[in-house]
Amino acid sequence: MKRSLLTTICFTALCLSSSFITIAAQENRGEARERIEPKGFLYGLGIGLNQEIYKGYDYRVIPLPILGYRTDNFRILGPFISYDALEFSDIEVTIQAAPRFQGFDESDSYIFKNMDKRKFSMDAGFGLTYERKDWKVSASSMFDVLNNSNGYEAKFSIGKVLRQGPLFFEPRLSVSYLDSNHVDYYYGVKASETNELTYAFKGDSAINTSIGFSIATPIFFEGFTQLALDYTWYDSAISNSPLVEDDTNFGVRFLFSKYF
């Protein structure tokens, strides 16, 4: 439960940061960011409903504490840290770091019996964002800097913001590439780790696809409110693992936050 909570907090912080920037892009960039992303401390609460793809995991209803801080170029949103290293025209280059709470141990599910613990890790890398009118295109390249999985993830997403008064709607499409080290660490099974329900499995690189939709507004109680839905299709390199029972995942998050 603790690991699922941390995972959802991470993802919520990322959605929060992305939505702030997207809304600001629809208005005067400097003025809007000062209004929607004022400098200082951020706090809030939310709730998440997440589906797990590992066998023995169900949907979880999870409370989401939110705490963060930002300056002009530096942001801490929950466990996410980012620094705007370069900006020119409609393109922004960001140095970023984020923990990856994706591991497990034997106590998490019956399917992990006899398996070694898979540790959470820290990813770091670069992000690139292009914003033009109502469109937002982003790409990121992240590496496991603690060498737990020695894995790598590259992600590309595209979204379009639709505005109706103070409401902002954003459908988006994302494609994520995970290298073989990452997939094998979190979904593979060593010959020495098998049990009566599993078999030896070596993970290969995978490409996952997600669609999402969010509704956001800055009008309630002088804060920021967001409802986000995401649906992910997992590559067969992941869904074929004996640890996995689903090849899709659904998540819902609702959050409210404001600045001190």
C-alpha atoms as a PDB file:
ATOM      1  CA  MET A   1       0.000   0.000   0.000  1.00  0.00           C
ATOM      2  CA  LYS A   2       2.837   2.359   0.902  1.00  0.00           C
ATOM      3  CA  ARG A   3       4.562   1.814  -2.445  1.00  0.00           C
ATOM      4  CA  SER A   4       1.321   2.383  -4.364  1.00  0.00           C
ATOM      5  CA  LEU A   5       0.780   5.599  -2.432  1.00  0.00           C
ATOM      6  CA  LEU A   6       4.224   6.900  -3.318  1.00  0.00           C
ATOM      7  CA  THR A   7       3.775   5.923  -6.961  1.00  0.00           C
ATOM      8  CA  THR A   8       0.500   7.803  -7.216  1.00  0.00           C
ATOM      9  CA  ILE A   9       1.950  10.864  -5.479  1.00  0.00           C
ATOM     10  CA  CYS A  10       4.765  10.896  -8.040  1.00  0.00           C
ATOM     11  CA  PHE A  11       2.406  10.673 -10.999  1.00  0.00           C
ATOM     12  CA  THR A  12       0.058  13.287  -9.512  1.00  0.00           C
ATOM     13  CA  ALA A  13       2.935  15.712  -9.013  1.00  0.00           C
ATOM     14  CA  LEU A  14       3.929  15.262 -12.652  1.00  0.00           C
ATOM     15  CA  CYS A  15       0.340  15.869 -13.850  1.00  0.00           C
ATOM     16  CA  LEU A  16       0.138  18.938 -11.639  1.00  0.00           C
ATOM     17  CA  SER A  17       3.337  20.450 -13.042  1.00  0.00           C
ATOM     18  CA  SER A  18       2.327  19.713 -16.648  1.00  0.00           C
ATOM     19  CA  SER A  19      -1.141  21.198 -16.226  1.00  0.00           C
ATOM     20  CA  PHE A  20       0.148  24.406 -14.649  1.00  0.00           C
ATOM     21  CA  ILE A  21       2.452  24.985 -17.620  1.00  0.00           C
ATOM     22  CA  THR A  22      -0.199  24.054 -20.184  1.00  0.00           C
ATOM     23  CA  ILE A  23      -2.775  26.462 -18.780  1.00  0.00           C
ATOM     24  CA  ALA A  24      -0.199  29.235 -18.636  1.00  0.00           C
ATOM     25  CA  ALA A  25       0.636  28.689 -22.300  1.00  0.00           C
ATOM     26  CA  GLN A  26      -2.925  29.590 -23.300  1.00  0.00           C
ATOM     27  CA  GLU A  27      -2.579  33.156 -22.033  1.00  0.00           C
ATOM     28  CA  ASN A  28       0.176  35.720 -21.804  1.00  0.00           C
ATOM     29  CA  ARG A  29       3.057  33.442 -20.785  1.00  0.00           C
ATOM     30  CA  GLY A  30       4.697  35.593 -18.133  1.00  0.00           C
ATOM     31  CA  GLU A  31       1.521  37.043 -16.614  1.00  0.00           C
ATOM     32  CA  ALA A  32      -0.306  33.699 -16.561  1.00  0.00           C
ATOM     33  CA  ARG A  33       2.582  31.849 -14.963  1.00  0.00           C
ATOM     34  CA  GLU A  34       2.784  34.438 -12.229  1.00  0.00           C
ATOM     35  CA  ARG A  35      -0.955  34.013 -11.552  1.00  0.00           C
ATOM     36  CA  ILE A  36      -1.210  30.227 -11.929  1.00  0.00           C
ATOM     37  CA  GLU A  37       2.332  29.356 -10.825  1.00  0.00           C
ATOM     38  CA  PRO A  38       3.223  32.000  -8.243  1.00  0.00           C
ATOM     39  CA  LYS A  39       6.591  31.588  -6.572  1.00  0.00           C
ATOM     40  CA  GLY A  40       6.559  29.941  -3.180  1.00  0.00           C
ATOM     41  CA  PHE A  41       5.207  26.871  -1.417  1.00  0.00           C
ATOM     42  CA  LEU A  42       2.429  24.690  -2.789  1.00  0.00           C
ATOM     43  CA  TYR A  43       0.181  22.408  -0.764  1.00  0.00           C
ATOM     44  CA  GLY A  44      -2.982  20.406  -1.273  1.00  0.00           C
ATOM     45  CA  LEU A  45      -4.827  17.107  -1.116  1.00  0.00           C
ATOM     46  CA  GLY A  46      -6.314  14.646  -3.557  1.00  0.00           C
ATOM     47  CA  ILE A  47      -7.482  11.097  -4.075  1.00  0.00           C
ATOM     48  CA  GLY A  48      -6.416   8.440  -6.583  1.00  0.00           C
ATOM     49  CA  LEU A  49      -7.835   5.162  -7.864  1.00  0.00           C
ATOM     50  CA  ASN A  50      -5.208   2.977  -9.536  1.00  0.00           C
ATOM     51  CA  GLN A  51      -5.247  -0.468 -11.111  1.00  0.00           C
ATOM     52  CA  GLU A  52      -2.184  -2.718 -10.737  1.00  0.00           C
ATOM     53  CA  ILE A  53      -1.130  -5.121 -13.514  1.00  0.00           C
ATOM     54  CA  TYR A  54       0.760  -7.559 -11.253  1.00  0.00           C
ATOM     55  CA  LYS A  55      -1.150 -10.670 -10.167  1.00  0.00           C
ATOM     56  CA  GLY A  56      -2.558 -10.350  -6.672  1.00  0.00           C
ATOM     57  CA  TYR A  57      -3.016  -6.578  -6.888  1.00  0.00           C
ATOM     58  CA  ASP A  58      -6.433  -4.868  -7.152  1.00  0.00           C
ATOM     59  CA  TYR A  59      -7.710  -1.330  -7.446  1.00  0.00           C
ATOM     60  CA  ARG A  60      -6.569   0.896  -4.614  1.00  0.00           C
ATOM     61  CA  VAL A  61      -8.188   4.068  -3.269  1.00  0.00           C
ATOM     62  CA  ILE A  62      -5.307   6.247  -2.105  1.00  0.00           C
ATOM     63  CA  PRO A  63      -5.135   9.667  -0.373  1.00  0.00           C
ATOM     64  CA  LEU A  64      -2.704  12.054  -2.073  1.00  0.00           C
ATOM     65  CA  PRO A  65      -0.844  14.659  -0.008  1.00  0.00           C
ATOM     66  CA  ILE A  66       0.719  17.388  -2.149  1.00  0.00           C
ATOM     67  CA  LEU A  67       3.645  19.600  -1.124  1.00  0.00           C
ATOM     68  CA  GLY A  68       5.942  21.607  -3.349  1.00  0.00           C
ATOM     69  CA  TYR A  69       7.994  24.745  -3.945  1.00  0.00           C
ATOM     70  CA  ARG A  70       8.897  26.774  -7.016  1.00  0.00           C
ATOM     71  CA  THR A  71      10.995  29.729  -8.162  1.00  0.00           C
ATOM     72  CA  ASP A  72      11.276  31.161 -11.677  1.00  0.00           C
ATOM     73  CA  ASN A  73      13.307  28.218 -13.017  1.00  0.00           C
ATOM     74  CA  PHE A  74      13.329  25.637 -10.232  1.00  0.00           C
ATOM     75  CA  ARG A  75      10.444  23.399  -9.102  1.00  0.00           C
ATOM     76  CA  ILE A  76       9.916  20.769  -6.436  1.00  0.00           C
ATOM     77  CA  LEU A  77       6.526  19.088  -6.808  1.00  0.00           C
ATOM     78  CA  GLY A  78       6.264  16.229  -4.363  1.00  0.00           C
ATOM     79  CA  PRO A  79       9.271  14.007  -5.117  1.00  0.00           C
ATOM     80  CA  PHE A  80       9.801  15.560  -8.566  1.00  0.00           C
ATOM     81  CA  ILE A  81      12.602  18.079  -9.089  1.00  0.00           C
ATOM     82  CA  SER A  82      13.087  20.068 -12.287  1.00  0.00           C
ATOM     83  CA  TYR A  83      15.205  22.962 -13.475  1.00  0.00           C
ATOM     84  CA  ASP A  84      14.520  24.981 -16.624  1.00  0.00           C
ATOM     85  CA  ALA A  85      17.996  25.039 -18.113  1.00  0.00           C
ATOM     86  CA  LEU A  86      17.213  26.675 -21.450  1.00  0.00           C
ATOM     87  CA  GLU A  87      14.270  28.382 -23.146  1.00  0.00           C
ATOM     88  CA  PHE A  88      14.098  29.738 -26.658  1.00  0.00           C
ATOM     89  CA  SER A  89      11.040  30.621 -28.679  1.00  0.00           C
ATOM     90  CA  ASP A  90       8.389  27.973 -27.841  1.00  0.00           C
ATOM     91  CA  ILE A  91      10.903  25.309 -26.750  1.00  0.00           C
ATOM     92  CA  GLU A  92      11.994  24.623 -23.179  1.00  0.00           C
ATOM     93  CA  VAL A  93      14.797  22.290 -22.066  1.00  0.00           C
ATOM     94  CA  THR A  94      14.583  20.917 -18.532  1.00  0.00           C
ATOM     95  CA  ILE A  95      16.943  18.958 -16.293  1.00  0.00           C
ATOM     96  CA  GLN A  96      14.837  16.690 -14.113  1.00  0.00           C
ATOM     97  CA  ALA A  97      14.928  13.955 -11.504  1.00  0.00           C
ATOM     98  CA  ALA A  98      12.182  11.686 -10.218  1.00  0.00           C
ATOM     99  CA  PRO A  99      12.035   8.600  -7.982  1.00  0.00           C
ATOM    100  CA  ARG A 100      10.689   5.391  -9.514  1.00  0.00           C
ATOM    101  CA  PHE A 101       8.636   3.536  -6.911  1.00  0.00           C
ATOM    102  CA  GLN A 102       8.030   0.487  -9.065  1.00  0.00           C
ATOM    103  CA  GLY A 103       9.533  -2.304  -7.024  1.00  0.00           C
ATOM    104  CA  PHE A 104       8.061  -5.084  -4.897  1.00  0.00           C
ATOM    105  CA  ASP A 105       8.886  -7.705  -2.273  1.00  0.00           C
ATOM    106  CA  GLU A 106       7.436 -11.073  -1.296  1.00  0.00           C
ATOM    107  CA  SER A 107       4.842  -9.565   1.044  1.00  0.00           C
ATOM    108  CA  ASP A 108       3.179  -7.546  -1.722  1.00  0.00           C
ATOM    109  CA  SER A 109       1.538 -10.499  -3.516  1.00  0.00           C
ATOM    110  CA  TYR A 110       1.455 -14.315  -3.601  1.00  0.00           C
ATOM    111  CA  ILE A 111       2.995 -14.190  -7.096  1.00  0.00           C
ATOM    112  CA  PHE A 112       6.273 -12.801  -5.688  1.00  0.00           C
ATOM    113  CA  LYS A 113       6.936 -15.838  -3.481  1.00  0.00           C
ATOM    114  CA  ASN A 114      10.649 -16.809  -3.572  1.00  0.00           C
ATOM    115  CA  MET A 115      11.582 -13.684  -5.545  1.00  0.00           C
ATOM    116  CA  ASP A 116      14.290 -11.195  -4.662  1.00  0.00           C
ATOM    117  CA  LYS A 117      13.177  -7.717  -3.734  1.00  0.00           C
ATOM    118  CA  ARG A 118      12.928  -5.215  -6.588  1.00  0.00           C
ATOM    119  CA  LYS A 119      13.994  -1.834  -5.254  1.00  0.00           C
ATOM    120  CA  PHE A 120      12.618   1.588  -6.065  1.00  0.00           C
ATOM    121  CA  SER A 121      15.154   3.844  -7.732  1.00  0.00           C
ATOM    122  CA  MET A 122      15.913   7.374  -8.855  1.00  0.00           C
ATOM    123  CA  ASP A 123      15.707   8.477 -12.483  1.00  0.00           C
ATOM    124  CA  ALA A 124      17.388  11.575 -13.870  1.00  0.00           C
ATOM    125  CA  GLY A 125      17.687  13.076 -17.319  1.00  0.00           C
ATOM    126  CA  PHE A 126      16.427  15.730 -19.692  1.00  0.00           C
ATOM    127  CA  GLY A 127      13.051  16.891 -20.903  1.00  0.00           C
ATOM    128  CA  LEU A 128      12.120  18.882 -23.991  1.00  0.00           C
ATOM    129  CA  THR A 129       8.795  20.707 -24.342  1.00  0.00           C
ATOM    130  CA  TYR A 130       7.375  22.530 -27.351  1.00  0.00           C
ATOM    131  CA  GLU A 131       4.242  24.667 -26.947  1.00  0.00           C
ATOM    132  CA  ARG A 132       2.494  26.383 -29.823  1.00  0.00           C
ATOM    133  CA  LYS A 133      -0.986  27.816 -29.527  1.00  0.00           C
ATOM    134  CA  ASP A 134      -3.182  24.982 -28.223  1.00  0.00           C
ATOM    135  CA  TRP A 135      -0.656  22.186 -28.825  1.00  0.00           C
ATOM    136  CA  LYS A 136       1.928  20.799 -26.455  1.00  0.00           C
ATOM    137  CA  VAL A 137       4.588  18.260 -27.485  1.00  0.00           C
ATOM    138  CA  SER A 138       7.061  16.860 -24.974  1.00  0.00           C
ATOM    139  CA  ALA A 139       9.837  14.296 -24.864  1.00  0.00           C
ATOM    140  CA  SER A 140      12.018  13.012 -22.051  1.00  0.00           C
ATOM    141  CA  SER A 141      15.022  10.736 -21.601  1.00  0.00           C
ATOM    142  CA  MET A 142      15.533   9.274 -18.109  1.00  0.00           C
ATOM    143  CA  PHE A 143      18.158   6.890 -16.673  1.00  0.00           C
ATOM    144  CA  ASP A 144      18.267   4.889 -13.443  1.00  0.00           C
ATOM    145  CA  VAL A 145      21.055   6.722 -11.628  1.00  0.00           C
ATOM    146  CA  LEU A 146      21.094   4.352  -8.616  1.00  0.00           C
ATOM    147  CA  ASN A 147      21.855   1.363 -10.888  1.00  0.00           C
ATOM    148  CA  ASN A 148      19.143  -0.847  -9.430  1.00  0.00           C
ATOM    149  CA  SER A 149      17.639  -1.771 -12.782  1.00  0.00           C
ATOM    150  CA  ASN A 150      20.297   0.006 -14.875  1.00  0.00           C
ATOM    151  CA  GLY A 151      17.289   0.852 -17.006  1.00  0.00           C
ATOM    152  CA  TYR A 152      16.341   3.638 -19.369  1.00  0.00           C
ATOM    153  CA  GLU A 153      13.023   5.189 -20.386  1.00  0.00           C
ATOM    154  CA  ALA A 154      12.259   7.522 -23.290  1.00  0.00           C
ATOM    155  CA  LYS A 155       8.817   9.081 -23.493  1.00  0.00           C
ATOM    156  CA  PHE A 156       7.009  11.154 -26.104  1.00  0.00           C
ATOM    157  CA  SER A 157       3.612  12.791 -25.662  1.00  0.00           C
ATOM    158  CA  ILE A 158       1.358  15.135 -27.563  1.00  0.00           C
ATOM    159  CA  GLY A 159      -1.717  16.931 -26.290  1.00  0.00           C
ATOM    160  CA  LYS A 160      -4.120  19.659 -27.287  1.00  0.00           C
ATOM    161  CA  VAL A 161      -5.724  22.072 -24.830  1.00  0.00           C
ATOM    162  CA  LEU A 162      -9.335  23.083 -25.353  1.00  0.00           C
ATOM    163  CA  ARG A 163     -10.611  26.023 -23.348  1.00  0.00           C
ATOM    164  CA  GLN A 164     -14.183  26.778 -22.357  1.00  0.00           C
ATOM    165  CA  GLY A 165     -14.245  29.827 -20.108  1.00  0.00           C
ATOM    166  CA  PRO A 166     -12.198  29.017 -16.980  1.00  0.00           C
ATOM    167  CA  LEU A 167     -12.133  25.275 -17.776  1.00  0.00           C
ATOM    168  CA  PHE A 168      -9.246  23.607 -19.597  1.00  0.00           C
ATOM    169  CA  PHE A 169      -9.676  20.206 -21.282  1.00  0.00           C
ATOM    170  CA  GLU A 170      -6.618  18.299 -22.472  1.00  0.00           C
ATOM    171  CA  PRO A 171      -6.732  15.005 -24.402  1.00  0.00           C
ATOM    172  CA  ARG A 172      -3.251  13.540 -24.885  1.00  0.00           C
ATOM    173  CA  LEU A 173      -1.409  10.581 -26.330  1.00  0.00           C
ATOM    174  CA  SER A 174       1.841   9.187 -24.902  1.00  0.00           C
ATOM    175  CA  VAL A 175       4.300   6.541 -26.071  1.00  0.00           C
ATOM    176  CA  SER A 176       6.945   5.198 -23.709  1.00  0.00           C
ATOM    177  CA  TYR A 177      10.000   3.087 -24.557  1.00  0.00           C
ATOM    178  CA  LEU A 178      11.512   0.952 -21.765  1.00  0.00           C
ATOM    179  CA  ASP A 179      14.807  -0.804 -22.398  1.00  0.00           C
ATOM    180  CA  SER A 180      15.409  -4.512 -21.692  1.00  0.00           C
ATOM    181  CA  ASN A 181      17.220  -3.823 -18.411  1.00  0.00           C
ATOM    182  CA  HIS A 182      14.205  -2.013 -17.002  1.00  0.00           C
ATOM    183  CA  VAL A 183      11.661  -4.604 -18.176  1.00  0.00           C
ATOM    184  CA  ASP A 184      13.749  -7.562 -17.013  1.00  0.00           C
ATOM    185  CA  TYR A 185      14.297  -6.056 -13.559  1.00  0.00           C
ATOM    186  CA  TYR A 186      10.650  -5.259 -12.807  1.00  0.00           C
ATOM    187  CA  TYR A 187       8.896  -8.023 -14.782  1.00  0.00           C
ATOM    188  CA  GLY A 188      11.495 -10.747 -15.290  1.00  0.00           C
ATOM    189  CA  VAL A 189      11.869 -13.921 -13.216  1.00  0.00           C
ATOM    190  CA  LYS A 190      15.251 -15.570 -12.650  1.00  0.00           C
ATOM    191  CA  ALA A 191      15.497 -19.367 -12.737  1.00  0.00           C
ATOM    192  CA  SER A 192      16.320 -19.320  -9.014  1.00  0.00           C
ATOM    193  CA  GLU A 193      13.207 -17.216  -8.273  1.00  0.00           C
ATOM    194  CA  THR A 194      10.507 -19.451  -9.742  1.00  0.00           C
ATOM    195  CA  ASN A 195       7.650 -20.868  -7.664  1.00  0.00           C
ATOM    196  CA  GLU A 196       4.712 -23.184  -8.396  1.00  0.00           C
ATOM    197  CA  LEU A 197       2.906 -20.356 -10.231  1.00  0.00           C
ATOM    198  CA  THR A 198       5.773 -18.872 -12.263  1.00  0.00           C
ATOM    199  CA  TYR A 199       8.555 -19.829 -14.649  1.00  0.00           C
ATOM    200  CA  ALA A 200      11.851 -18.294 -15.718  1.00  0.00           C
ATOM    201  CA  PHE A 201      11.223 -15.206 -17.817  1.00  0.00           C
ATOM    202  CA  LYS A 202      13.671 -12.672 -19.246  1.00  0.00           C
ATOM    203  CA  GLY A 203      12.217  -9.308 -20.134  1.00  0.00           C
ATOM    204  CA  ASP A 204      12.893  -7.550 -23.419  1.00  0.00           C
ATOM    205  CA  SER A 205      12.497  -3.889 -24.382  1.00  0.00           C
ATOM    206  CA  ALA A 206       8.907  -2.643 -24.510  1.00  0.00           C
ATOM    207  CA  ILE A 207       6.818   0.167 -25.964  1.00  0.00           C
ATOM    208  CA  ASN A 208       3.717   1.161 -23.980  1.00  0.00           C
ATOM    209  CA  THR A 209       0.961   3.473 -25.212  1.00  0.00           C
ATOM    210  CA  SER A 210      -1.302   5.668 -23.091  1.00  0.00           C
ATOM    211  CA  ILE A 211      -4.255   7.947 -23.709  1.00  0.00           C
ATOM    212  CA  GLY A 212      -5.333  10.493 -21.172  1.00  0.00           C
ATOM    213  CA  PHE A 213      -7.875  13.209 -20.561  1.00  0.00           C
ATOM    214  CA  SER A 214      -7.840  15.915 -17.910  1.00  0.00           C
ATOM    215  CA  ILE A 215     -10.079  18.758 -16.826  1.00  0.00           C
ATOM    216  CA  ALA A 216      -8.440  21.580 -14.893  1.00  0.00           C
ATOM    217  CA  THR A 217      -9.376  25.011 -13.577  1.00  0.00           C
ATOM    218  CA  PRO A 218      -7.791  27.653 -11.314  1.00  0.00           C
ATOM    219  CA  ILE A 219     -11.100  29.198 -10.137  1.00  0.00           C
ATOM    220  CA  PHE A 220     -12.107  27.232  -7.022  1.00  0.00           C
ATOM    221  CA  PHE A 221     -11.060  28.610  -3.615  1.00  0.00           C
ATOM    222  CA  GLU A 222      -8.124  30.495  -5.180  1.00  0.00           C
ATOM    223  CA  GLY A 223      -6.447  27.190  -5.949  1.00  0.00           C
ATOM    224  CA  PHE A 224      -5.967  24.641  -8.703  1.00  0.00           C
ATOM    225  CA  THR A 225      -8.383  21.749  -9.312  1.00  0.00           C
ATOM    226  CA  GLN A 226      -7.822  18.817 -11.668  1.00  0.00           C
ATOM    227  CA  LEU A 227      -9.493  15.564 -12.649  1.00  0.00           C
ATOM    228  CA  ALA A 228      -7.257  13.261 -14.736  1.00  0.00           C
ATOM    229  CA  LEU A 229      -7.994   9.926 -16.422  1.00  0.00           C
ATOM    230  CA  ASP A 230      -5.365   7.643 -17.995  1.00  0.00           C
ATOM    231  CA  TYR A 231      -5.540   4.309 -19.803  1.00  0.00           C
ATOM    232  CA  THR A 232      -2.372   2.389 -20.742  1.00  0.00           C
ATOM    233  CA  TRP A 233      -1.726  -0.546 -23.076  1.00  0.00           C
ATOM    234  CA  TYR A 234       1.341  -2.603 -22.143  1.00  0.00           C
ATOM    235  CA  ASP A 235       3.688  -4.223 -24.630  1.00  0.00           C
ATOM    236  CA  SER A 236       3.650  -8.041 -24.832  1.00  0.00           C
ATOM    237  CA  ALA A 237       7.227  -7.972 -23.503  1.00  0.00           C
ATOM    238  CA  ILE A 238       5.594  -6.976 -20.193  1.00  0.00           C
ATOM    239  CA  SER A 239       2.172  -8.642 -20.356  1.00  0.00           C
ATOM    240  CA  ASN A 240       3.735 -12.039 -21.169  1.00  0.00           C
ATOM    241  CA  SER A 241       5.531 -12.054 -17.825  1.00  0.00           C
ATOM    242  CA  PRO A 242       4.236 -14.704 -15.389  1.00  0.00           C
ATOM    243  CA  LEU A 243       3.998 -11.910 -12.799  1.00  0.00           C
ATOM    244  CA  VAL A 244       1.443  -9.967 -14.831  1.00  0.00           C
ATOM    245  CA  GLU A 245      -2.259 -10.676 -15.303  1.00  0.00           C
ATOM    246  CA  ASP A 246      -3.433  -7.584 -17.237  1.00  0.00           C
ATOM    247  CA  ASP A 247      -2.142  -5.912 -20.385  1.00  0.00           C
ATOM    248  CA  THR A 248      -3.962  -2.641 -19.641  1.00  0.00           C
ATOM    249  CA  ASN A 249      -4.094  -0.250 -16.724  1.00  0.00           C
ATOM    250  CA  PHE A 250      -6.588   2.456 -15.740  1.00  0.00           C
ATOM    251  CA  GLY A 251      -6.066   5.332 -13.331  1.00  0.00           C
ATOM    252  CA  VAL A 252      -8.179   8.213 -12.024  1.00  0.00           C
ATOM    253  CA  ARG A 253      -6.922  11.139  -9.954  1.00  0.00           C
ATOM    254  CA  PHE A 254      -8.638  14.150  -8.418  1.00  0.00           C
ATOM    255  CA  LEU A 255      -6.643  16.871  -6.714  1.00  0.00           C
ATOM    256  CA  PHE A 256      -6.855  20.355  -5.292  1.00  0.00           C
ATOM    257  CA  SER A 257      -3.844  22.508  -4.493  1.00  0.00           C
ATOM    258  CA  LYS A 258      -2.947  26.119  -3.790  1.00  0.00           C
ATOM    259  CA  TYR A 259      -0.010  28.293  -2.824  1.00  0.00           C
ATOM    260  CA  PHE A 260       0.712  29.590   0.663  1.00  0.00           C
END
